[in-house]
Amino acid sequence: MKLTRRTVLGSAVVAGLAIASGPLARPAAAQETIKIGAPFNVTGALSSVDAPALNGAKVKVKEINDAGGVLGKKLELVIYDTKTDPTVIAATASQLINQDKVPVGLGFTDSDSALALGPIFQTAGVPFVTPGATSPKLPDQIGTDMFLACFGDNVQAAAGAEFVLGKLGGKTVYLLRDNSTEYTTLLAKYFKEAYLHGGGQIVLEDNYKAGDKSFTAQITKLKALSPKPDVLYVAAQPDDIGLVVKQMRQAGLTQPIVGGDGYDTPLLLSVGGKAANNVYFSTHAYMAEDSTPAIVTFYKAYKAAYNTPPENAFAALGYDTVGLVADAISRAGSTDSAKIRDALAATQGYKGITGSISYAGDSRVPQKTVSIIGVKDDKLYLAAEVTPNWIPKP
């Protein structure tokens, strides 16, 4: 998922967080720990997705440390709030490399943040794993030290296209994209390719910019269409989607609205309200007490730690990413960055709660099943699990 200029942090996300602008207090014997850099946008426009990812990461660290740690040492997350600000992100990357001397890092749920940090880690030869930055282009754009723990946007867009064509019977689509971010432009591009490949027809494409308050111009053109499209696909960021669906419903647009994991935020329901009904989005796991046994176990641990259920699937991705990194360090038998990087690249069948993670050949993006979440009666439910049959190239 990107950087926008607004500051949004729901009260549910704040619960359990005690983050300063610098790293958390370190254990007295720092040399006895294995440091893992953990920059996240705990405040700012991406807080509703980054903060849960960090919380999930902390749950996994405690679990591993309680079991004895890795290579006889405890894991230590070196946490920074990068404030949804690319300048802060770049400065933090340098701090983690030059002062904190981390041998590996993890963080972020959006591609623009990863792009701001990745080159600095790459130059230093330090591997970085992102829980939720979904651009499948990131490893090629940044280099051999960048890994994704999540599926790529081409996969979730293809899953969304198959869901629209199959489950929703949507033969025609209106496509709206935020054209100011890497995440939303790629998601829309991949959806269009997959949807057209599947035989669908896009009747109108339009754009807006992250942070826009009014979508009247776009809605006016959409309402003028005749015949009306079966489905509306909107590629949006977390802090925009609630307002988008609210204004569309207020304008009398009742079609299903479909999008990507940018919708997987409490803001969809808290801002959108009843307008969010008949909305569907692709994401990484169904977070509920009636989900898979592994998710249910995590759900309970997260709730015990923060007195709130996991806000979204990014919490589970943060948990999985720590597990993935710890597994690589264990297999490397070392905290040497190059050895950790090679162990990450050799990962095959790491069993995360959001799915199995393997890296095939030179790819550093795992292939995982996509969960489609729907909203009905103001509540989320699992609408489908999709492994797309055709996936656009990155």
Protein backbone atom coordinates (compact mmCIF):
# COMPACT_ATOMS: atom_id res chain seq x y z
CA MET A 1 0.00 0.00 0.00
CA LYS A 2 1.44 5.09 0.14
CA LEU A 3 2.15 8.38 1.65
CA THR A 4 -0.53 11.04 1.96
CA ARG A 5 -0.57 14.33 3.81
CA ARG A 6 -3.31 13.77 6.39
CA THR A 7 -2.99 12.56 9.94
CA VAL A 8 -5.46 9.85 10.84
CA LEU A 9 -5.16 7.54 13.82
CA GLY A 10 -8.27 5.76 15.05
CA SER A 11 -8.66 5.15 18.76
CA ALA A 12 -8.74 1.41 18.20
CA VAL A 13 -5.27 1.58 16.66
CA VAL A 14 -3.89 3.70 19.48
CA ALA A 15 -4.78 1.03 22.03
CA GLY A 16 -1.72 -0.71 23.35
CA LEU A 17 0.82 1.55 21.62
CA ALA A 18 3.53 3.28 23.60
CA ILE A 19 5.82 4.53 20.87
CA ALA A 20 8.22 7.47 21.11
CA SER A 21 9.83 9.28 18.21
CA GLY A 22 13.01 7.25 18.72
CA PRO A 23 13.67 3.59 19.50
CA LEU A 24 12.04 1.97 22.51
CA ALA A 25 14.09 1.45 25.66
CA ARG A 26 16.74 -1.19 25.03
CA PRO A 27 17.69 -4.06 27.31
CA ALA A 28 20.68 -3.19 29.47
CA ALA A 29 22.83 -5.87 27.84
CA ALA A 30 22.18 -4.83 24.25
CA GLN A 31 24.99 -7.03 22.98
CA GLU A 32 23.02 -10.04 24.17
CA THR A 33 20.14 -9.29 21.79
CA ILE A 34 19.64 -9.60 18.07
CA LYS A 35 18.53 -6.23 16.76
CA ILE A 36 15.87 -5.97 14.07
CA GLY A 37 15.16 -2.53 12.63
CA ALA A 38 11.43 -1.76 12.78
CA PRO A 39 10.41 1.54 11.16
CA PHE A 40 6.64 2.01 10.93
CA ASN A 41 4.29 4.92 10.27
CA VAL A 42 2.69 4.82 13.71
CA THR A 43 1.36 8.35 13.21
CA GLY A 44 0.22 10.11 10.06
CA ALA A 45 -2.03 9.02 7.23
CA LEU A 46 -0.93 5.38 7.27
CA SER A 47 -1.21 4.82 11.01
CA SER A 48 -4.39 2.75 10.71
CA VAL A 49 -2.47 0.03 8.88
CA ASP A 50 1.13 0.44 10.06
CA ALA A 51 0.35 0.55 13.79
CA PRO A 52 -1.44 -2.84 13.77
CA ALA A 53 1.45 -4.32 11.77
CA LEU A 54 3.91 -3.14 14.43
CA ASN A 55 1.69 -4.47 17.21
CA GLY A 56 1.54 -7.86 15.50
CA ALA A 57 5.33 -7.86 15.16
CA LYS A 58 5.68 -7.19 18.88
CA VAL A 59 3.39 -10.11 19.70
CA LYS A 60 5.62 -12.47 17.70
CA VAL A 61 8.82 -11.11 19.28
CA LYS A 62 7.43 -11.78 22.75
CA GLU A 63 6.36 -15.27 21.70
CA ILE A 64 9.84 -16.07 20.33
CA ASN A 65 11.67 -14.55 23.30
CA ASP A 66 9.45 -16.40 25.79
CA ALA A 67 10.44 -19.61 23.99
CA GLY A 68 14.15 -18.89 24.35
CA GLY A 69 14.90 -16.51 21.50
CA VAL A 70 17.04 -17.22 18.43
CA LEU A 71 20.62 -18.52 18.49
CA GLY A 72 20.50 -18.26 22.27
CA LYS A 73 19.68 -14.53 22.20
CA LYS A 74 16.52 -12.47 22.60
CA LEU A 75 15.16 -10.50 19.66
CA GLU A 76 15.02 -6.73 20.02
CA LEU A 77 12.88 -4.56 17.77
CA VAL A 78 14.54 -1.17 17.24
CA ILE A 79 11.35 0.81 16.68
CA TYR A 80 10.95 4.22 15.10
CA ASP A 81 7.79 6.12 14.21
CA THR A 82 8.47 7.41 10.70
CA LYS A 83 5.32 9.57 10.80
CA THR A 84 4.15 8.92 7.22
CA ASP A 85 6.86 11.34 6.10
CA PRO A 86 9.38 10.36 3.39
CA THR A 87 12.04 12.66 4.84
CA VAL A 88 11.71 11.05 8.26
CA ILE A 89 11.75 7.60 6.65
CA ALA A 90 15.05 8.28 4.87
CA ALA A 91 16.63 9.74 8.02
CA THR A 92 15.45 6.76 10.06
CA ALA A 93 16.94 4.34 7.54
CA SER A 94 20.33 6.01 7.96
CA GLN A 95 19.95 5.94 11.76
CA LEU A 96 19.17 2.24 11.77
CA ILE A 97 22.14 1.44 9.53
CA ASN A 98 24.82 3.80 10.87
CA GLN A 99 24.00 4.22 14.56
CA ASP A 100 21.87 1.23 15.53
CA LYS A 101 23.86 -1.18 13.35
CA VAL A 102 20.90 -3.46 12.68
CA PRO A 103 21.73 -6.55 10.59
CA VAL A 104 18.19 -6.80 9.19
CA GLY A 105 15.04 -4.70 9.11
CA LEU A 106 11.30 -5.02 8.62
CA GLY A 107 8.49 -2.54 8.31
CA PHE A 108 5.81 -0.59 6.43
CA THR A 109 2.56 -1.53 4.77
CA ASP A 110 2.90 0.71 1.71
CA SER A 111 5.14 0.76 -1.32
CA ASP A 112 6.07 4.45 -1.24
CA SER A 113 7.54 4.11 2.26
CA ALA A 114 9.51 1.05 1.19
CA LEU A 115 10.83 2.98 -1.81
CA ALA A 116 11.98 5.80 0.47
CA LEU A 117 13.92 3.45 2.76
CA GLY A 118 14.92 0.53 0.55
CA PRO A 119 17.82 2.05 -1.40
CA ILE A 120 19.60 3.03 1.84
CA PHE A 121 19.39 -0.51 3.20
CA GLN A 122 20.38 -1.89 -0.21
CA THR A 123 23.51 0.27 -0.38
CA ALA A 124 24.49 -0.94 3.08
CA GLY A 125 23.85 -4.58 2.18
CA VAL A 126 21.24 -5.01 4.92
CA PRO A 127 18.14 -7.08 4.06
CA PHE A 128 14.72 -5.54 4.60
CA VAL A 129 11.40 -7.39 4.65
CA THR A 130 8.13 -5.50 4.25
CA PRO A 131 4.99 -6.96 5.83
CA GLY A 132 2.52 -5.17 3.60
CA ALA A 133 4.08 -3.06 0.83
CA THR A 134 2.47 -4.91 -2.06
CA SER A 135 4.16 -3.58 -5.20
CA PRO A 136 5.66 -6.64 -6.92
CA LYS A 137 8.16 -4.27 -8.54
CA LEU A 138 9.90 -3.41 -5.25
CA PRO A 139 12.60 -6.12 -5.31
CA ASP A 140 13.65 -5.12 -8.84
CA GLN A 141 13.39 -1.39 -8.10
CA ILE A 142 15.44 -1.60 -4.91
CA GLY A 143 17.67 -4.64 -5.24
CA THR A 144 18.52 -8.07 -3.93
CA ASP A 145 18.11 -7.14 -0.25
CA MET A 146 14.39 -6.27 -0.52
CA PHE A 147 11.79 -8.96 0.30
CA LEU A 148 8.00 -9.01 0.54
CA ALA A 149 6.19 -11.12 3.14
CA CYS A 150 2.89 -10.40 1.37
CA PHE A 151 1.50 -11.13 -2.08
CA GLY A 152 1.96 -8.58 -4.86
CA ASP A 153 -0.64 -6.13 -6.15
CA ASN A 154 -0.82 -8.03 -9.42
CA VAL A 155 -2.05 -11.07 -7.47
CA GLN A 156 -4.66 -9.26 -5.39
CA ALA A 157 -5.87 -7.30 -8.42
CA ALA A 158 -6.27 -10.53 -10.40
CA ALA A 159 -8.17 -12.08 -7.50
CA GLY A 160 -10.42 -9.02 -7.39
CA ALA A 161 -11.07 -9.25 -11.13
CA GLU A 162 -12.02 -12.93 -10.90
CA PHE A 163 -14.31 -12.18 -7.94
CA VAL A 164 -16.05 -9.37 -9.87
CA LEU A 165 -16.52 -11.51 -12.97
CA GLY A 166 -17.47 -14.69 -11.13
CA LYS A 167 -19.14 -14.11 -7.76
CA LEU A 168 -20.56 -10.66 -8.55
CA GLY A 169 -21.35 -11.32 -12.22
CA GLY A 170 -19.92 -7.94 -13.10
CA LYS A 171 -19.62 -7.73 -16.87
CA THR A 172 -18.99 -3.96 -16.85
CA VAL A 173 -16.90 -1.89 -14.46
CA TYR A 174 -16.25 1.76 -13.65
CA LEU A 175 -12.60 2.19 -12.62
CA LEU A 176 -11.53 5.00 -10.27
CA ARG A 177 -7.94 5.38 -9.08
CA ASP A 178 -5.91 7.62 -6.82
CA ASN A 179 -3.27 8.65 -9.34
CA SER A 180 -0.80 10.05 -6.81
CA THR A 181 0.60 6.85 -5.27
CA GLU A 182 2.56 3.82 -6.41
CA TYR A 183 0.16 1.43 -4.70
CA THR A 184 -3.09 2.70 -6.18
CA THR A 185 -1.83 3.28 -9.71
CA LEU A 186 -0.34 -0.22 -9.90
CA LEU A 187 -3.40 -1.83 -8.35
CA ALA A 188 -5.68 -0.17 -10.91
CA LYS A 189 -3.35 -1.09 -13.77
CA TYR A 190 -3.21 -4.76 -12.77
CA PHE A 191 -6.96 -4.92 -12.18
CA LYS A 192 -7.65 -3.51 -15.63
CA GLU A 193 -5.34 -6.05 -17.26
CA ALA A 194 -6.84 -9.00 -15.40
CA TYR A 195 -10.43 -7.87 -15.82
CA LEU A 196 -10.08 -7.31 -19.57
CA HIS A 197 -8.26 -10.63 -19.89
CA GLY A 198 -11.25 -12.29 -18.22
CA GLY A 199 -13.69 -10.77 -20.71
CA GLY A 200 -14.95 -7.79 -18.73
CA GLN A 201 -15.54 -4.30 -20.10
CA ILE A 202 -14.42 -1.06 -18.46
CA VAL A 203 -16.96 1.60 -19.36
CA LEU A 204 -15.17 4.61 -17.82
CA GLU A 205 -11.87 5.35 -16.07
CA ASP A 206 -11.30 8.36 -13.83
CA ASN A 207 -8.78 9.69 -11.31
CA TYR A 208 -8.51 11.64 -8.09
CA LYS A 209 -5.63 12.62 -5.80
CA ALA A 210 -4.96 11.37 -2.28
CA GLY A 211 -6.41 13.78 0.25
CA ASP A 212 -9.21 15.08 -1.97
CA LYS A 213 -12.30 15.96 0.07
CA SER A 214 -14.89 15.97 -2.70
CA PHE A 215 -15.55 13.43 -5.44
CA THR A 216 -18.45 15.32 -7.00
CA ALA A 217 -16.80 15.68 -10.42
CA GLN A 218 -16.07 11.96 -10.69
CA ILE A 219 -19.51 10.97 -9.41
CA THR A 220 -21.24 13.30 -11.88
CA LYS A 221 -19.53 11.61 -14.84
CA LEU A 222 -20.25 8.18 -13.39
CA LYS A 223 -23.96 8.92 -12.94
CA ALA A 224 -24.19 10.16 -16.52
CA LEU A 225 -23.25 6.74 -17.89
CA SER A 226 -25.95 4.79 -19.69
CA PRO A 227 -26.23 1.93 -19.17
CA LYS A 228 -24.83 1.93 -15.66
CA PRO A 229 -21.80 -0.23 -14.82
CA ASP A 230 -22.38 -3.43 -12.86
CA VAL A 231 -19.53 -2.82 -10.41
CA LEU A 232 -17.38 0.10 -9.24
CA TYR A 233 -13.68 -0.68 -8.70
CA VAL A 234 -11.88 1.98 -6.69
CA ALA A 235 -8.13 1.84 -6.02
CA ALA A 236 -7.82 3.90 -2.83
CA GLN A 237 -5.66 4.48 0.24
CA PRO A 238 -6.87 3.77 3.80
CA ASP A 239 -7.56 7.39 4.70
CA ASP A 240 -9.63 8.04 1.56
CA ILE A 241 -11.86 5.02 1.04
CA GLY A 242 -14.39 5.76 3.79
CA LEU A 243 -15.13 9.18 2.33
CA VAL A 244 -15.25 7.84 -1.24
CA VAL A 245 -17.89 5.19 -0.49
CA LYS A 246 -19.88 7.59 1.66
CA GLN A 247 -20.15 10.19 -1.10
CA MET A 248 -20.95 7.54 -3.72
CA ARG A 249 -23.80 6.13 -1.65
CA GLN A 250 -25.11 9.61 -0.87
CA ALA A 251 -25.25 10.19 -4.63
CA GLY A 252 -27.49 7.15 -5.04
CA LEU A 253 -24.88 4.72 -6.39
CA THR A 254 -25.83 1.29 -5.06
CA GLN A 255 -23.53 -0.99 -7.09
CA PRO A 256 -20.95 -3.19 -5.35
CA ILE A 257 -17.74 -1.27 -4.68
CA VAL A 258 -14.57 -3.35 -4.89
CA GLY A 259 -10.94 -2.57 -4.13
CA GLY A 260 -7.68 -3.75 -2.61
CA ASP A 261 -6.12 -4.07 0.82
CA GLY A 262 -6.10 -0.30 1.25
CA TYR A 263 -9.69 -0.83 2.43
CA ASP A 264 -8.50 -3.11 5.24
CA THR A 265 -8.65 -0.43 7.90
CA PRO A 266 -11.11 0.48 10.68
CA LEU A 267 -11.64 3.73 8.77
CA LEU A 268 -13.77 1.95 6.15
CA LEU A 269 -16.54 1.38 8.70
CA SER A 270 -15.88 4.28 11.06
CA VAL A 271 -15.94 6.89 8.27
CA GLY A 272 -18.08 5.09 5.70
CA GLY A 273 -20.72 3.86 8.14
CA LYS A 274 -23.65 2.14 6.48
CA ALA A 275 -22.32 3.29 3.10
CA ALA A 276 -19.71 0.55 3.44
CA ASN A 277 -22.32 -2.18 3.01
CA ASN A 278 -21.92 -4.01 -0.31
CA VAL A 279 -18.22 -3.14 -0.37
CA TYR A 280 -15.63 -5.87 -1.02
CA PHE A 281 -11.85 -5.81 -0.79
CA SER A 282 -8.92 -8.15 -1.33
CA THR A 283 -6.60 -8.65 1.63
CA HIS A 284 -4.18 -11.05 3.29
CA ALA A 285 -6.33 -12.89 5.84
CA TYR A 286 -9.76 -12.87 7.45
CA MET A 287 -9.26 -11.54 10.96
CA ALA A 288 -12.04 -12.94 13.12
CA GLU A 289 -12.78 -15.41 15.89
CA ASP A 290 -14.23 -17.81 13.32
CA SER A 291 -11.20 -17.72 11.00
CA THR A 292 -8.46 -20.37 10.68
CA PRO A 293 -7.11 -21.96 13.90
CA ALA A 294 -3.81 -20.09 13.51
CA ILE A 295 -5.57 -16.74 13.05
CA VAL A 296 -7.84 -17.46 16.03
CA THR A 297 -4.82 -18.15 18.25
CA PHE A 298 -3.18 -14.92 17.10
CA TYR A 299 -6.47 -13.05 17.52
CA LYS A 300 -6.61 -14.05 21.18
CA ALA A 301 -2.95 -13.21 21.84
CA TYR A 302 -3.30 -9.79 20.19
CA LYS A 303 -6.46 -9.02 22.15
CA ALA A 304 -4.75 -10.04 25.39
CA ALA A 305 -1.78 -7.79 24.61
CA TYR A 306 -3.65 -4.67 23.46
CA ASN A 307 -7.18 -5.08 24.84
CA THR A 308 -8.57 -4.87 21.31
CA PRO A 309 -8.97 -7.40 18.48
CA PRO A 310 -6.56 -7.18 15.52
CA GLU A 311 -7.73 -4.18 13.51
CA ASN A 312 -6.91 -5.74 10.15
CA ALA A 313 -4.78 -8.33 8.33
CA PHE A 314 -1.69 -6.12 8.58
CA ALA A 315 -1.45 -7.09 12.24
CA ALA A 316 -1.07 -10.71 11.15
CA LEU A 317 1.44 -9.75 8.46
CA GLY A 318 3.60 -8.01 11.06
CA TYR A 319 3.49 -11.17 13.16
CA ASP A 320 4.43 -13.34 10.17
CA THR A 321 7.27 -11.08 9.11
CA VAL A 322 9.02 -11.34 12.46
CA GLY A 323 8.63 -15.11 12.28
CA LEU A 324 10.05 -15.17 8.76
CA VAL A 325 13.08 -13.08 9.75
CA ALA A 326 13.70 -15.12 12.90
CA ASP A 327 13.52 -18.33 10.86
CA ALA A 328 16.11 -16.95 8.42
CA ILE A 329 18.47 -15.90 11.23
CA SER A 330 18.15 -19.36 12.75
CA ARG A 331 18.89 -21.10 9.45
CA ALA A 332 21.76 -18.72 8.75
CA GLY A 333 23.22 -19.54 12.15
CA SER A 334 24.52 -16.00 12.22
CA THR A 335 23.59 -12.32 12.52
CA ASP A 336 25.71 -11.45 9.50
CA SER A 337 23.53 -9.46 7.09
CA ALA A 338 24.72 -11.29 3.97
CA LYS A 339 24.04 -14.68 5.53
CA ILE A 340 20.57 -13.58 6.70
CA ARG A 341 19.84 -12.30 3.19
CA ASP A 342 20.84 -15.63 1.64
CA ALA A 343 18.74 -17.56 4.16
CA LEU A 344 15.73 -15.35 3.40
CA ALA A 345 16.15 -15.94 -0.33
CA ALA A 346 16.27 -19.69 0.29
CA THR A 347 13.00 -19.70 2.26
CA GLN A 348 10.69 -22.51 1.23
CA GLY A 349 7.37 -23.24 2.91
CA TYR A 350 7.60 -20.98 5.94
CA LYS A 351 4.20 -21.51 7.54
CA GLY A 352 2.81 -18.10 8.42
CA ILE A 353 -0.70 -17.45 9.68
CA THR A 354 -1.41 -15.45 6.50
CA GLY A 355 -0.21 -18.32 4.32
CA SER A 356 2.92 -20.20 3.33
CA ILE A 357 5.92 -18.12 2.24
CA SER A 358 8.39 -19.37 -0.38
CA TYR A 359 10.70 -17.51 -2.72
CA ALA A 360 11.09 -19.18 -6.11
CA GLY A 361 14.19 -18.57 -8.22
CA ASP A 362 15.14 -14.90 -8.17
CA SER A 363 11.66 -13.81 -7.01
CA ARG A 364 11.43 -12.23 -3.58
CA VAL A 365 7.63 -12.00 -3.65
CA PRO A 366 5.68 -14.99 -2.27
CA GLN A 367 2.64 -16.43 -4.02
CA LYS A 368 -0.25 -16.58 -1.56
CA THR A 369 -4.01 -17.04 -1.59
CA VAL A 370 -6.09 -13.84 -1.47
CA SER A 371 -8.95 -13.31 0.97
CA ILE A 372 -11.94 -11.31 -0.27
CA ILE A 373 -13.74 -9.54 2.57
CA GLY A 374 -17.27 -8.19 2.22
CA VAL A 375 -19.33 -5.79 4.32
CA LYS A 376 -22.91 -6.73 5.21
CA ASP A 377 -25.08 -5.30 7.97
CA ASP A 378 -22.18 -3.03 8.95
CA LYS A 379 -19.91 -6.03 9.63
CA LEU A 380 -17.04 -7.73 7.82
CA TYR A 381 -17.33 -11.31 6.58
CA LEU A 382 -15.26 -13.67 4.44
CA ALA A 383 -16.77 -13.51 0.95
CA ALA A 384 -14.23 -15.73 -0.86
CA GLU A 385 -10.72 -17.17 -0.91
CA VAL A 386 -9.18 -16.75 -4.37
CA THR A 387 -6.05 -18.13 -6.00
CA PRO A 388 -6.18 -16.35 -9.36
CA ASN A 389 -5.89 -18.41 -12.52
CA TRP A 390 -4.22 -15.61 -14.52
CA ILE A 391 -1.89 -12.99 -13.05
CA PRO A 392 -0.55 -9.89 -14.86
CA LYS A 393 3.22 -9.59 -15.06
CA PRO A 394 4.74 -7.13 -12.56
